[in-house]
Amino acid sequence: MLKRSSIILLFCVIAVVLWSCTDRNPSFRYKMTVYVSTPAGIQSGSSVTEMGLKQTISPAIDDALKILRFLSRGDAVFIDLPDATLIATTWIPNGGGQVSGRAQQALDPKGAFGDREGQFRSYYRLRRGKHSADLPRMYWPVLLTMDRNNDPATLRAVDPEEVGVTKISIETTHEAATTDIEKRLGPLNAFASRVPQSVRKLCPYPTPYLFSWGAHLNKNW
């Protein structure tokens, strides 16, 4: 009986492994934590982003025409400081792109920018294992401050040194993606419509994406 049970358990383990390796819509989550030095000590804030990979098959029966869609959802990081709210957005300054892509690169340097199959393997690794890294300074996101009343008209871009940001760390996690930004800011599209032009131009996408990538558009996930 024990031998039979062991065989059944072995087949179950093999089935799970095969399923995880053949999943063509893999995803993984990472937590980004921002550390700020203040007179009262180090303060920090975090948010969780989920990255997904979907393969869209062309009507033509040709593997070369299969297209990968990179999806992500998650909110900016908010840290309530004594005099203002610090926001670490979803976008890297100077056309650096989405933070999530660089986070994947930092967590899996060898696999993040490979070919299609390399991307799948990277997502599998990050989904299964425990990975952590410091986000390189060149890939830190646009940082904004806002008054404690969440008035978008008070938003302004700041340098990390100006507000005391000392480190941004990332680690894979199984926690749910952070998508509750509207509990803090209200309807995101209405909030974004009042953001100063000086801040809007920092991201080439519609302004809501500076604060939340896909959280307010779940249908796109």
N, C-alpha and C. Protein backbone atom coordinates (compact mmCIF):
# COMPACT_ATOMS: atom_id res chain seq x y z
N MET A 1 0.83 -1.21 0.00
CA MET A 1 0.00 0.00 0.00
C MET A 1 0.86 1.25 0.00
N LEU A 2 1.92 1.24 0.80
CA LEU A 2 2.81 2.40 0.87
C LEU A 2 3.48 2.64 -0.47
N LYS A 3 3.88 1.54 -1.13
CA LYS A 3 4.54 1.66 -2.42
C LYS A 3 3.59 2.26 -3.45
N ARG A 4 2.34 1.81 -3.44
CA ARG A 4 1.36 2.34 -4.38
C ARG A 4 1.12 3.82 -4.13
N SER A 5 1.01 4.21 -2.85
CA SER A 5 0.81 5.62 -2.50
C SER A 5 1.98 6.48 -2.97
N SER A 6 3.19 5.94 -2.83
CA SER A 6 4.39 6.67 -3.26
C SER A 6 4.38 6.89 -4.76
N ILE A 7 3.93 5.89 -5.50
CA ILE A 7 3.88 6.00 -6.95
C ILE A 7 2.86 7.05 -7.37
N ILE A 8 1.70 7.04 -6.71
CA ILE A 8 0.66 8.04 -7.01
C ILE A 8 1.17 9.44 -6.72
N LEU A 9 1.85 9.59 -5.58
CA LEU A 9 2.40 10.90 -5.21
C LEU A 9 3.43 11.35 -6.23
N LEU A 10 4.26 10.44 -6.70
CA LEU A 10 5.28 10.77 -7.70
C LEU A 10 4.63 11.27 -8.98
N PHE A 11 3.58 10.58 -9.43
CA PHE A 11 2.89 11.00 -10.65
C PHE A 11 2.25 12.38 -10.47
N CYS A 12 1.73 12.66 -9.28
CA CYS A 12 1.14 13.98 -9.01
C CYS A 12 2.19 15.08 -9.09
N VAL A 13 3.36 14.80 -8.51
CA VAL A 13 4.45 15.79 -8.55
C VAL A 13 4.88 16.04 -9.99
N ILE A 14 5.03 14.96 -10.77
CA ILE A 14 5.42 15.09 -12.17
C ILE A 14 4.39 15.90 -12.95
N ALA A 15 3.11 15.65 -12.68
CA ALA A 15 2.05 16.37 -13.38
C ALA A 15 2.11 17.87 -13.08
N VAL A 16 2.35 18.21 -11.80
CA VAL A 16 2.45 19.63 -11.44
C VAL A 16 3.64 20.28 -12.12
N VAL A 17 4.77 19.60 -12.15
CA VAL A 17 5.97 20.15 -12.78
C VAL A 17 5.74 20.35 -14.27
N LEU A 18 5.13 19.35 -14.92
CA LEU A 18 4.87 19.48 -16.36
C LEU A 18 3.90 20.61 -16.64
N TRP A 19 2.88 20.75 -15.80
CA TRP A 19 1.92 21.84 -16.00
C TRP A 19 2.59 23.20 -15.88
N SER A 20 3.46 23.35 -14.88
CA SER A 20 4.11 24.64 -14.66
C SER A 20 5.06 24.98 -15.80
N CYS A 21 5.61 23.96 -16.45
CA CYS A 21 6.57 24.21 -17.53
C CYS A 21 5.89 24.41 -18.87
N THR A 22 4.61 24.06 -18.97
CA THR A 22 3.92 24.21 -20.25
C THR A 22 2.90 25.34 -20.21
N ASP A 23 2.76 26.00 -19.09
CA ASP A 23 1.85 27.13 -18.97
C ASP A 23 2.28 28.22 -19.93
N ARG A 24 1.43 28.58 -20.87
CA ARG A 24 1.80 29.58 -21.87
C ARG A 24 1.30 30.97 -21.50
N ASN A 25 0.73 31.12 -20.33
CA ASN A 25 0.33 32.44 -19.84
C ASN A 25 0.87 32.64 -18.43
N PRO A 26 2.18 32.54 -18.25
CA PRO A 26 2.73 32.62 -16.89
C PRO A 26 2.69 34.05 -16.35
N SER A 27 2.74 34.16 -15.05
CA SER A 27 2.86 35.47 -14.41
C SER A 27 3.66 35.30 -13.13
N PHE A 28 4.19 36.41 -12.65
CA PHE A 28 4.85 36.42 -11.35
C PHE A 28 4.62 37.78 -10.71
N ARG A 29 4.84 37.87 -9.42
CA ARG A 29 4.63 39.12 -8.70
C ARG A 29 5.91 39.51 -7.97
N TYR A 30 6.12 40.79 -7.88
CA TYR A 30 7.26 41.28 -7.10
C TYR A 30 6.81 42.46 -6.25
N LYS A 31 7.45 42.57 -5.09
CA LYS A 31 7.18 43.69 -4.19
C LYS A 31 8.32 44.69 -4.30
N MET A 32 7.98 45.94 -4.51
CA MET A 32 8.98 47.01 -4.54
C MET A 32 8.84 47.84 -3.27
N THR A 33 9.95 48.01 -2.56
CA THR A 33 9.96 48.78 -1.32
C THR A 33 10.90 49.96 -1.45
N VAL A 34 10.40 51.13 -1.12
CA VAL A 34 11.18 52.36 -1.20
C VAL A 34 11.52 52.80 0.22
N TYR A 35 12.81 53.09 0.44
CA TYR A 35 13.29 53.49 1.77
C TYR A 35 13.67 54.96 1.76
N VAL A 36 13.19 55.69 2.76
CA VAL A 36 13.42 57.14 2.85
C VAL A 36 14.02 57.47 4.20
N SER A 37 15.10 58.22 4.20
CA SER A 37 15.73 58.68 5.43
C SER A 37 15.05 59.97 5.89
N THR A 38 14.53 59.97 7.11
CA THR A 38 13.86 61.15 7.67
C THR A 38 14.48 61.45 9.04
N PRO A 39 14.24 62.64 9.57
CA PRO A 39 14.76 62.95 10.91
C PRO A 39 14.31 61.95 11.98
N ALA A 40 13.19 61.30 11.73
CA ALA A 40 12.68 60.32 12.71
C ALA A 40 13.20 58.92 12.44
N GLY A 41 14.01 58.77 11.41
CA GLY A 41 14.52 57.45 11.06
C GLY A 41 14.08 57.04 9.65
N ILE A 42 14.33 55.79 9.32
CA ILE A 42 13.99 55.29 7.99
C ILE A 42 12.49 54.97 7.92
N GLN A 43 11.85 55.52 6.90
CA GLN A 43 10.46 55.16 6.61
C GLN A 43 10.44 54.42 5.28
N SER A 44 9.46 53.57 5.11
CA SER A 44 9.38 52.81 3.86
C SER A 44 7.94 52.59 3.46
N GLY A 45 7.78 52.28 2.20
CA GLY A 45 6.46 51.93 1.66
C GLY A 45 6.65 50.93 0.54
N SER A 46 5.63 50.12 0.31
CA SER A 46 5.75 49.05 -0.68
C SER A 46 4.48 48.94 -1.52
N SER A 47 4.64 48.32 -2.66
CA SER A 47 3.49 47.90 -3.47
C SER A 47 3.90 46.64 -4.23
N VAL A 48 2.90 45.87 -4.62
CA VAL A 48 3.14 44.62 -5.34
C VAL A 48 2.64 44.76 -6.77
N THR A 49 3.48 44.38 -7.70
CA THR A 49 3.14 44.40 -9.12
C THR A 49 3.12 42.98 -9.66
N GLU A 50 2.13 42.69 -10.47
CA GLU A 50 2.06 41.39 -11.14
C GLU A 50 2.38 41.59 -12.62
N MET A 51 3.28 40.75 -13.13
CA MET A 51 3.63 40.79 -14.55
C MET A 51 3.14 39.50 -15.20
N GLY A 52 2.52 39.65 -16.35
CA GLY A 52 1.98 38.49 -17.06
C GLY A 52 2.50 38.43 -18.48
N LEU A 53 2.53 37.24 -19.00
CA LEU A 53 2.99 36.99 -20.36
C LEU A 53 1.91 36.19 -21.07
N LYS A 54 1.40 36.72 -22.17
CA LYS A 54 0.37 36.01 -22.93
C LYS A 54 0.83 35.85 -24.38
N GLN A 55 0.54 34.68 -24.91
CA GLN A 55 0.91 34.39 -26.28
C GLN A 55 -0.33 34.47 -27.15
N THR A 56 -0.33 35.39 -28.10
CA THR A 56 -1.44 35.55 -29.03
C THR A 56 -1.10 34.82 -30.31
N ILE A 57 -1.94 33.88 -30.70
CA ILE A 57 -1.65 33.05 -31.87
C ILE A 57 -2.28 33.67 -33.11
N SER A 58 -1.46 33.85 -34.13
CA SER A 58 -1.94 34.39 -35.40
C SER A 58 -2.84 33.38 -36.08
N PRO A 59 -3.80 33.86 -36.88
CA PRO A 59 -4.62 32.92 -37.66
C PRO A 59 -3.77 32.02 -38.55
N ALA A 60 -2.62 32.53 -39.00
CA ALA A 60 -1.72 31.70 -39.80
C ALA A 60 -1.07 30.66 -38.90
N ILE A 61 -0.97 29.45 -39.38
CA ILE A 61 -0.37 28.38 -38.58
C ILE A 61 1.14 28.47 -38.74
N ASP A 62 1.72 29.38 -38.02
CA ASP A 62 3.15 29.63 -38.14
C ASP A 62 3.65 30.09 -36.78
N ASP A 63 4.51 29.30 -36.16
CA ASP A 63 5.00 29.63 -34.83
C ASP A 63 5.68 30.98 -34.80
N ALA A 64 6.29 31.38 -35.91
CA ALA A 64 7.01 32.64 -35.94
C ALA A 64 6.07 33.83 -35.82
N LEU A 65 4.78 33.60 -36.08
CA LEU A 65 3.81 34.69 -36.04
C LEU A 65 3.07 34.78 -34.71
N LYS A 66 3.48 33.95 -33.76
CA LYS A 66 2.90 34.06 -32.42
C LYS A 66 3.48 35.29 -31.74
N ILE A 67 2.61 36.10 -31.19
CA ILE A 67 3.01 37.38 -30.63
C ILE A 67 2.89 37.34 -29.11
N LEU A 68 3.91 37.86 -28.44
CA LEU A 68 3.87 37.93 -26.99
C LEU A 68 3.30 39.26 -26.55
N ARG A 69 2.40 39.20 -25.58
CA ARG A 69 1.89 40.42 -24.95
C ARG A 69 2.40 40.46 -23.53
N PHE A 70 3.04 41.57 -23.18
CA PHE A 70 3.55 41.76 -21.82
C PHE A 70 2.54 42.61 -21.06
N LEU A 71 2.05 42.07 -19.96
CA LEU A 71 1.04 42.74 -19.18
C LEU A 71 1.54 42.98 -17.76
N SER A 72 1.09 44.04 -17.15
CA SER A 72 1.43 44.25 -15.75
C SER A 72 0.31 45.04 -15.09
N ARG A 73 0.18 44.84 -13.79
CA ARG A 73 -0.79 45.62 -13.03
C ARG A 73 -0.23 45.83 -11.62
N GLY A 74 -0.46 46.99 -11.10
CA GLY A 74 0.04 47.34 -9.78
C GLY A 74 0.12 48.84 -9.64
N ASP A 75 0.07 49.30 -8.41
CA ASP A 75 0.05 50.73 -8.13
C ASP A 75 1.43 51.27 -7.81
N ALA A 76 1.53 52.59 -7.87
CA ALA A 76 2.71 53.28 -7.40
C ALA A 76 2.86 53.06 -5.89
N VAL A 77 4.05 53.37 -5.38
CA VAL A 77 4.30 53.28 -3.94
C VAL A 77 4.01 54.64 -3.31
N PHE A 78 3.24 54.64 -2.23
CA PHE A 78 2.92 55.87 -1.51
C PHE A 78 3.54 55.80 -0.12
N ILE A 79 4.24 56.86 0.27
CA ILE A 79 4.82 56.94 1.61
C ILE A 79 4.39 58.28 2.21
N ASP A 80 3.68 58.22 3.33
CA ASP A 80 3.21 59.43 3.99
C ASP A 80 4.30 59.97 4.90
N LEU A 81 4.95 61.04 4.45
CA LEU A 81 5.97 61.72 5.24
C LEU A 81 5.32 62.82 6.07
N PRO A 82 6.04 63.41 7.01
CA PRO A 82 5.42 64.42 7.88
C PRO A 82 4.79 65.59 7.13
N ASP A 83 5.45 66.05 6.07
CA ASP A 83 4.97 67.26 5.40
C ASP A 83 4.37 67.01 4.03
N ALA A 84 4.46 65.80 3.53
CA ALA A 84 3.97 65.53 2.18
C ALA A 84 3.85 64.02 1.98
N THR A 85 3.24 63.65 0.88
CA THR A 85 3.18 62.25 0.46
C THR A 85 4.19 62.06 -0.67
N LEU A 86 5.04 61.07 -0.53
CA LEU A 86 6.01 60.74 -1.57
C LEU A 86 5.43 59.61 -2.42
N ILE A 87 5.52 59.76 -3.72
CA ILE A 87 5.00 58.76 -4.65
C ILE A 87 6.13 58.29 -5.55
N ALA A 88 6.39 56.99 -5.51
CA ALA A 88 7.31 56.37 -6.46
C ALA A 88 6.45 55.79 -7.56
N THR A 89 6.48 56.40 -8.73
CA THR A 89 5.54 56.07 -9.80
C THR A 89 5.92 54.77 -10.51
N THR A 90 5.23 54.50 -11.60
CA THR A 90 5.46 53.26 -12.35
C THR A 90 6.41 53.47 -13.52
N TRP A 91 6.91 54.69 -13.69
CA TRP A 91 7.66 55.04 -14.90
C TRP A 91 9.06 55.56 -14.57
N ILE A 92 10.05 55.22 -15.40
CA ILE A 92 11.43 55.66 -15.22
C ILE A 92 11.64 56.97 -15.98
N PRO A 93 12.34 57.93 -15.40
CA PRO A 93 12.54 59.23 -16.07
C PRO A 93 13.29 59.10 -17.39
N ASN A 94 13.18 60.15 -18.18
CA ASN A 94 13.95 60.30 -19.42
C ASN A 94 13.73 59.14 -20.40
N GLY A 95 12.47 58.73 -20.51
CA GLY A 95 12.15 57.68 -21.47
C GLY A 95 12.68 56.32 -21.12
N GLY A 96 12.91 56.08 -19.82
CA GLY A 96 13.48 54.80 -19.39
C GLY A 96 12.53 53.63 -19.42
N GLY A 97 11.24 53.89 -19.65
CA GLY A 97 10.28 52.82 -19.75
C GLY A 97 9.62 52.48 -18.43
N GLN A 98 8.90 51.38 -18.46
CA GLN A 98 8.16 50.93 -17.30
C GLN A 98 9.10 50.34 -16.26
N VAL A 99 8.85 50.62 -15.00
CA VAL A 99 9.69 50.09 -13.92
C VAL A 99 9.66 48.57 -13.91
N SER A 100 8.51 47.98 -14.21
CA SER A 100 8.37 46.52 -14.10
C SER A 100 9.35 45.76 -14.98
N GLY A 101 9.61 46.28 -16.20
CA GLY A 101 10.56 45.60 -17.08
C GLY A 101 11.96 45.59 -16.50
N ARG A 102 12.36 46.70 -15.91
CA ARG A 102 13.69 46.78 -15.29
C ARG A 102 13.75 45.98 -13.99
N ALA A 103 12.61 45.86 -13.31
CA ALA A 103 12.58 45.02 -12.12
C ALA A 103 12.82 43.57 -12.50
N GLN A 104 12.18 43.13 -13.59
CA GLN A 104 12.42 41.76 -14.06
C GLN A 104 13.89 41.56 -14.41
N GLN A 105 14.48 42.56 -15.05
CA GLN A 105 15.90 42.48 -15.42
C GLN A 105 16.78 42.35 -14.19
N ALA A 106 16.46 43.11 -13.15
CA ALA A 106 17.27 43.06 -11.93
C ALA A 106 17.12 41.73 -11.21
N LEU A 107 15.91 41.16 -11.26
CA LEU A 107 15.66 39.90 -10.57
C LEU A 107 16.19 38.70 -11.34
N ASP A 108 16.25 38.81 -12.66
CA ASP A 108 16.70 37.69 -13.51
C ASP A 108 17.55 38.26 -14.64
N PRO A 109 18.78 38.70 -14.33
CA PRO A 109 19.61 39.42 -15.32
C PRO A 109 19.86 38.64 -16.61
N LYS A 110 19.97 37.33 -16.53
CA LYS A 110 20.31 36.55 -17.72
C LYS A 110 19.11 36.25 -18.61
N GLY A 111 17.91 36.30 -18.03
CA GLY A 111 16.76 35.85 -18.81
C GLY A 111 15.77 36.91 -19.21
N ALA A 112 15.89 38.12 -18.68
CA ALA A 112 14.84 39.11 -18.85
C ALA A 112 14.67 39.59 -20.28
N PHE A 113 15.72 39.58 -21.06
CA PHE A 113 15.62 40.12 -22.41
C PHE A 113 16.03 39.10 -23.47
N GLY A 114 15.67 37.84 -23.22
CA GLY A 114 15.97 36.80 -24.19
C GLY A 114 14.89 36.73 -25.27
N ASP A 115 14.95 35.67 -26.09
CA ASP A 115 13.93 35.46 -27.10
C ASP A 115 12.63 35.01 -26.44
N ARG A 116 11.65 34.64 -27.25
CA ARG A 116 10.35 34.30 -26.69
C ARG A 116 10.44 33.18 -25.66
N GLU A 117 11.10 32.09 -26.00
CA GLU A 117 11.20 30.99 -25.05
C GLU A 117 12.02 31.39 -23.83
N GLY A 118 13.01 32.25 -24.04
CA GLY A 118 13.79 32.75 -22.91
C GLY A 118 12.93 33.55 -21.95
N GLN A 119 11.98 34.31 -22.50
CA GLN A 119 11.07 35.06 -21.65
C GLN A 119 10.19 34.13 -20.83
N PHE A 120 9.69 33.07 -21.45
CA PHE A 120 8.88 32.10 -20.71
C PHE A 120 9.69 31.48 -19.58
N ARG A 121 10.93 31.10 -19.87
CA ARG A 121 11.76 30.49 -18.83
C ARG A 121 12.02 31.47 -17.69
N SER A 122 12.22 32.75 -18.04
CA SER A 122 12.44 33.77 -17.01
C SER A 122 11.22 33.89 -16.10
N TYR A 123 10.03 33.91 -16.68
CA TYR A 123 8.81 34.01 -15.88
C TYR A 123 8.64 32.77 -15.00
N TYR A 124 8.95 31.59 -15.54
CA TYR A 124 8.85 30.37 -14.74
C TYR A 124 9.79 30.44 -13.53
N ARG A 125 11.03 30.88 -13.79
CA ARG A 125 12.00 30.97 -12.68
C ARG A 125 11.53 31.94 -11.61
N LEU A 126 11.06 33.10 -12.04
CA LEU A 126 10.66 34.12 -11.07
C LEU A 126 9.38 33.73 -10.34
N ARG A 127 8.53 32.97 -10.98
CA ARG A 127 7.30 32.52 -10.32
C ARG A 127 7.58 31.47 -9.25
N ARG A 128 8.55 30.60 -9.52
CA ARG A 128 8.78 29.47 -8.62
C ARG A 128 9.73 29.80 -7.47
N GLY A 129 10.81 30.52 -7.77
CA GLY A 129 11.85 30.72 -6.77
C GLY A 129 11.68 31.99 -5.98
N LYS A 130 12.56 32.16 -5.01
CA LYS A 130 12.61 33.39 -4.21
C LYS A 130 13.79 34.22 -4.70
N HIS A 131 13.49 35.38 -5.25
CA HIS A 131 14.52 36.23 -5.84
C HIS A 131 14.42 37.63 -5.25
N SER A 132 15.55 38.28 -5.05
CA SER A 132 15.54 39.65 -4.54
C SER A 132 16.74 40.40 -5.09
N ALA A 133 16.62 41.72 -5.12
CA ALA A 133 17.70 42.56 -5.64
C ALA A 133 17.40 44.00 -5.25
N ASP A 134 18.42 44.82 -5.31
CA ASP A 134 18.23 46.27 -5.23
C ASP A 134 18.04 46.79 -6.65
N LEU A 135 17.05 47.64 -6.84
CA LEU A 135 16.83 48.22 -8.16
C LEU A 135 17.95 49.22 -8.43
N PRO A 136 18.70 49.05 -9.53
CA PRO A 136 19.80 49.98 -9.82
C PRO A 136 19.32 51.43 -9.88
N ARG A 137 20.15 52.32 -9.41
CA ARG A 137 19.79 53.74 -9.33
C ARG A 137 19.31 54.28 -10.67
N MET A 138 19.90 53.84 -11.77
CA MET A 138 19.53 54.36 -13.09
C MET A 138 18.10 53.99 -13.48
N TYR A 139 17.51 53.01 -12.77
CA TYR A 139 16.17 52.57 -13.09
C TYR A 139 15.15 52.95 -12.02
N TRP A 140 15.53 53.85 -11.14
CA TRP A 140 14.57 54.31 -10.15
C TRP A 140 13.45 55.08 -10.84
N PRO A 141 12.23 54.98 -10.34
CA PRO A 141 11.10 55.63 -11.00
C PRO A 141 11.06 57.13 -10.78
N VAL A 142 10.21 57.77 -11.56
CA VAL A 142 9.90 59.18 -11.31
C VAL A 142 9.34 59.30 -9.89
N LEU A 143 9.88 60.23 -9.14
CA LEU A 143 9.43 60.47 -7.77
C LEU A 143 8.65 61.78 -7.72
N LEU A 144 7.52 61.75 -7.06
CA LEU A 144 6.68 62.94 -6.93
C LEU A 144 6.36 63.18 -5.46
N THR A 145 6.14 64.43 -5.13
CA THR A 145 5.56 64.75 -3.81
C THR A 145 4.21 65.41 -4.03
N MET A 146 3.35 65.25 -3.03
CA MET A 146 2.00 65.80 -3.09
C MET A 146 1.59 66.15 -1.66
N ASP A 147 0.76 67.16 -1.50
CA ASP A 147 0.35 67.51 -0.14
C ASP A 147 -0.46 66.37 0.48
N ARG A 148 -0.61 66.41 1.78
CA ARG A 148 -1.26 65.30 2.49
C ARG A 148 -2.77 65.25 2.25
N ASN A 149 -3.30 66.23 1.52
CA ASN A 149 -4.73 66.22 1.18
C ASN A 149 -5.01 65.55 -0.16
N ASN A 150 -3.96 64.97 -0.75
CA ASN A 150 -4.09 64.29 -2.04
C ASN A 150 -4.59 65.21 -3.15
N ASP A 151 -4.13 66.45 -3.12
CA ASP A 151 -4.51 67.41 -4.15
C ASP A 151 -3.56 67.25 -5.34
N PRO A 152 -4.04 66.79 -6.50
CA PRO A 152 -3.14 66.57 -7.64
C PRO A 152 -2.46 67.85 -8.13
N ALA A 153 -3.07 68.99 -7.86
CA ALA A 153 -2.47 70.25 -8.31
C ALA A 153 -1.14 70.53 -7.60
N THR A 154 -0.90 69.86 -6.45
CA THR A 154 0.34 70.09 -5.70
C THR A 154 1.46 69.12 -6.09
N LEU A 155 1.20 68.24 -7.04
CA LEU A 155 2.22 67.27 -7.46
C LEU A 155 3.42 67.97 -8.09
N ARG A 156 4.62 67.52 -7.72
CA ARG A 156 5.83 68.02 -8.38
C ARG A 156 6.89 66.92 -8.36
N ALA A 157 7.70 66.91 -9.39
CA ALA A 157 8.78 65.92 -9.47
C ALA A 157 9.92 66.35 -8.56
N VAL A 158 10.56 65.36 -7.92
CA VAL A 158 11.68 65.63 -7.01
C VAL A 158 12.80 64.64 -7.28
N ASP A 159 14.02 65.05 -6.93
CA ASP A 159 15.16 64.15 -7.01
C ASP A 159 15.20 63.28 -5.76
N PRO A 160 15.75 62.07 -5.87
CA PRO A 160 15.82 61.18 -4.70
C PRO A 160 16.52 61.82 -3.51
N GLU A 161 17.61 62.56 -3.79
CA GLU A 161 18.37 63.18 -2.71
C GLU A 161 17.56 64.25 -1.99
N GLU A 162 16.69 64.91 -2.72
CA GLU A 162 15.89 65.99 -2.13
C GLU A 162 14.95 65.47 -1.05
N VAL A 163 14.45 64.25 -1.25
CA VAL A 163 13.48 63.70 -0.29
C VAL A 163 14.08 62.58 0.56
N GLY A 164 15.35 62.26 0.35
CA GLY A 164 16.02 61.29 1.20
C GLY A 164 15.84 59.83 0.84
N VAL A 165 15.48 59.54 -0.42
CA VAL A 165 15.37 58.12 -0.82
C VAL A 165 16.77 57.51 -0.84
N THR A 166 16.96 56.44 -0.12
CA THR A 166 18.28 55.82 0.00
C THR A 166 18.40 54.50 -0.74
N LYS A 167 17.28 53.80 -0.91
CA LYS A 167 17.34 52.48 -1.55
C LYS A 167 15.96 52.08 -2.04
N ILE A 168 15.92 51.33 -3.14
CA ILE A 168 14.68 50.71 -3.62
C ILE A 168 14.98 49.23 -3.83
N SER A 169 14.31 48.40 -3.09
CA SER A 169 14.53 46.96 -3.19
C SER A 169 13.34 46.28 -3.85
N ILE A 170 13.58 45.13 -4.46
CA ILE A 170 12.52 44.35 -5.09
C ILE A 170 12.72 42.88 -4.72
N GLU A 171 11.61 42.17 -4.59
CA GLU A 171 11.67 40.75 -4.27
C GLU A 171 10.41 40.07 -4.79
N THR A 172 10.56 38.85 -5.27
CA THR A 172 9.38 38.11 -5.72
C THR A 172 8.51 37.76 -4.52
N THR A 173 7.22 37.67 -4.77
CA THR A 173 6.28 37.44 -3.69
C THR A 173 5.05 36.73 -4.22
N HIS A 174 4.27 36.14 -3.31
CA HIS A 174 2.98 35.56 -3.66
C HIS A 174 1.83 36.43 -3.16
N GLU A 175 2.15 37.61 -2.64
CA GLU A 175 1.10 38.52 -2.22
C GLU A 175 0.33 39.03 -3.44
N ALA A 176 -0.91 39.43 -3.22
CA ALA A 176 -1.74 39.93 -4.31
C ALA A 176 -1.22 41.28 -4.81
N ALA A 177 -1.44 41.54 -6.09
CA ALA A 177 -1.04 42.83 -6.66
C ALA A 177 -1.77 43.96 -5.95
N THR A 178 -1.09 45.08 -5.79
CA THR A 178 -1.67 46.26 -5.15
C THR A 178 -2.50 47.03 -6.18
N THR A 179 -3.81 47.04 -6.03
CA THR A 179 -4.68 47.69 -7.01
C THR A 179 -5.78 48.51 -6.33
N ASP A 180 -5.48 49.08 -5.17
CA ASP A 180 -6.51 49.81 -4.44
C ASP A 180 -6.25 51.31 -4.43
N ILE A 181 -5.57 51.81 -5.45
CA ILE A 181 -5.17 53.22 -5.48
C ILE A 181 -6.37 54.17 -5.40
N GLU A 182 -7.51 53.75 -5.94
CA GLU A 182 -8.65 54.66 -5.95
C GLU A 182 -9.27 54.84 -4.56
N LYS A 183 -8.91 53.96 -3.62
CA LYS A 183 -9.35 54.18 -2.24
C LYS A 183 -8.63 55.39 -1.65
N ARG A 184 -7.44 55.66 -2.15
CA ARG A 184 -6.66 56.81 -1.67
C ARG A 184 -6.95 58.07 -2.47
N LEU A 185 -7.01 57.93 -3.81
CA LEU A 185 -7.07 59.10 -4.68
C LEU A 185 -8.45 59.37 -5.26
N GLY A 186 -9.39 58.45 -5.09
CA GLY A 186 -10.68 58.59 -5.76
C GLY A 186 -10.54 58.11 -7.20
N PRO A 187 -11.57 58.33 -8.02
CA PRO A 187 -11.51 57.88 -9.42
C PRO A 187 -10.22 58.37 -10.10
N LEU A 188 -9.46 57.44 -10.63
CA LEU A 188 -8.12 57.79 -11.11
C LEU A 188 -8.15 58.70 -12.31
N ASN A 189 -9.10 58.51 -13.20
CA ASN A 189 -9.17 59.38 -14.38
C ASN A 189 -9.48 60.82 -13.98
N ALA A 190 -10.34 61.00 -12.99
CA ALA A 190 -10.66 62.35 -12.52
C ALA A 190 -9.44 62.97 -11.84
N PHE A 191 -8.73 62.17 -11.04
CA PHE A 191 -7.51 62.66 -10.38
C PHE A 191 -6.49 63.08 -11.44
N ALA A 192 -6.30 62.22 -12.45
CA ALA A 192 -5.28 62.48 -13.48
C ALA A 192 -5.59 63.73 -14.29
N SER A 193 -6.86 64.06 -14.44
CA SER A 193 -7.23 65.23 -15.24
C SER A 193 -6.78 66.53 -14.59
N ARG A 194 -6.43 66.49 -13.31
CA ARG A 194 -6.01 67.70 -12.60
C ARG A 194 -4.51 67.72 -12.31
N VAL A 195 -3.79 66.75 -12.87
CA VAL A 195 -2.34 66.69 -12.67
C VAL A 195 -1.67 67.78 -13.51
N PRO A 196 -0.71 68.53 -12.95
CA PRO A 196 -0.04 69.59 -13.71
C PRO A 196 0.65 69.05 -14.97
N GLN A 197 0.71 69.90 -15.97
CA GLN A 197 1.32 69.50 -17.24
C GLN A 197 2.78 69.11 -17.06
N SER A 198 3.46 69.74 -16.12
CA SER A 198 4.87 69.43 -15.88
C SER A 198 5.06 67.98 -15.44
N VAL A 199 4.04 67.41 -14.80
CA VAL A 199 4.09 66.02 -14.37
C VAL A 199 3.58 65.10 -15.47
N ARG A 200 2.55 65.51 -16.18
CA ARG A 200 1.99 64.68 -17.25
C ARG A 200 3.03 64.31 -18.30
N LYS A 201 3.90 65.24 -18.61
CA LYS A 201 4.86 65.00 -19.70
C LYS A 201 5.95 64.01 -19.31
N LEU A 202 5.98 63.59 -18.06
CA LEU A 202 7.01 62.66 -17.62
C LEU A 202 6.75 61.24 -18.09
N CYS A 203 5.52 60.96 -18.55
CA CYS A 203 5.16 59.62 -19.01
C CYS A 203 4.47 59.73 -20.37
N PRO A 204 4.89 58.96 -21.36
CA PRO A 204 4.29 59.06 -22.70
C PRO A 204 2.91 58.44 -22.79
N TYR A 205 2.51 57.68 -21.79
CA TYR A 205 1.20 57.05 -21.79
C TYR A 205 0.19 57.99 -21.11
N PRO A 206 -1.11 57.69 -21.23
CA PRO A 206 -2.09 58.51 -20.50
C PRO A 206 -1.72 58.63 -19.03
N THR A 207 -1.97 59.79 -18.46
CA THR A 207 -1.50 60.12 -17.11
C THR A 207 -1.84 59.09 -16.04
N PRO A 208 -3.03 58.44 -16.08
CA PRO A 208 -3.30 57.45 -15.02
C PRO A 208 -2.23 56.37 -14.90
N TYR A 209 -1.58 56.05 -16.01
CA TYR A 209 -0.58 54.98 -15.97
C TYR A 209 0.69 55.37 -15.22
N LEU A 210 0.85 56.64 -14.95
CA LEU A 210 1.98 57.06 -14.13
C LEU A 210 1.80 56.60 -12.69
N PHE A 211 0.54 56.40 -12.29
CA PHE A 211 0.23 56.06 -10.91
C PHE A 211 -0.21 54.60 -10.74
N SER A 212 -0.72 54.01 -11.79
CA SER A 212 -1.20 52.63 -11.68
C SER A 212 -1.22 52.02 -13.06
N TRP A 213 -0.50 50.89 -13.19
CA TRP A 213 -0.43 50.27 -14.51
C TRP A 213 -1.49 49.17 -14.60
N GLY A 214 -2.62 49.54 -15.19
CA GLY A 214 -3.67 48.55 -15.41
C GLY A 214 -4.63 48.34 -14.27
N ALA A 215 -4.36 48.92 -13.11
CA ALA A 215 -5.24 48.68 -11.95
C ALA A 215 -6.63 49.23 -12.20
N HIS A 216 -6.72 50.33 -12.94
CA HIS A 216 -8.04 50.93 -13.20
C HIS A 216 -8.61 50.43 -14.51
N LEU A 217 -7.90 49.53 -15.19
CA LEU A 217 -8.36 48.96 -16.45
C LEU A 217 -8.19 47.45 -16.39
N ASN A 218 -8.84 46.81 -15.43
CA ASN A 218 -8.67 45.37 -15.23
C ASN A 218 -9.03 44.55 -16.46
N LYS A 219 -9.88 45.11 -17.31
CA LYS A 219 -10.28 44.37 -18.51
C LYS A 219 -9.08 44.15 -19.44
N ASN A 220 -8.02 44.93 -19.27
CA ASN A 220 -6.85 44.77 -20.13
C ASN A 220 -5.92 43.67 -19.63
N TRP A 221 -6.19 43.11 -18.47
CA TRP A 221 -5.30 42.08 -17.93
C TRP A 221 -5.60 40.73 -18.57
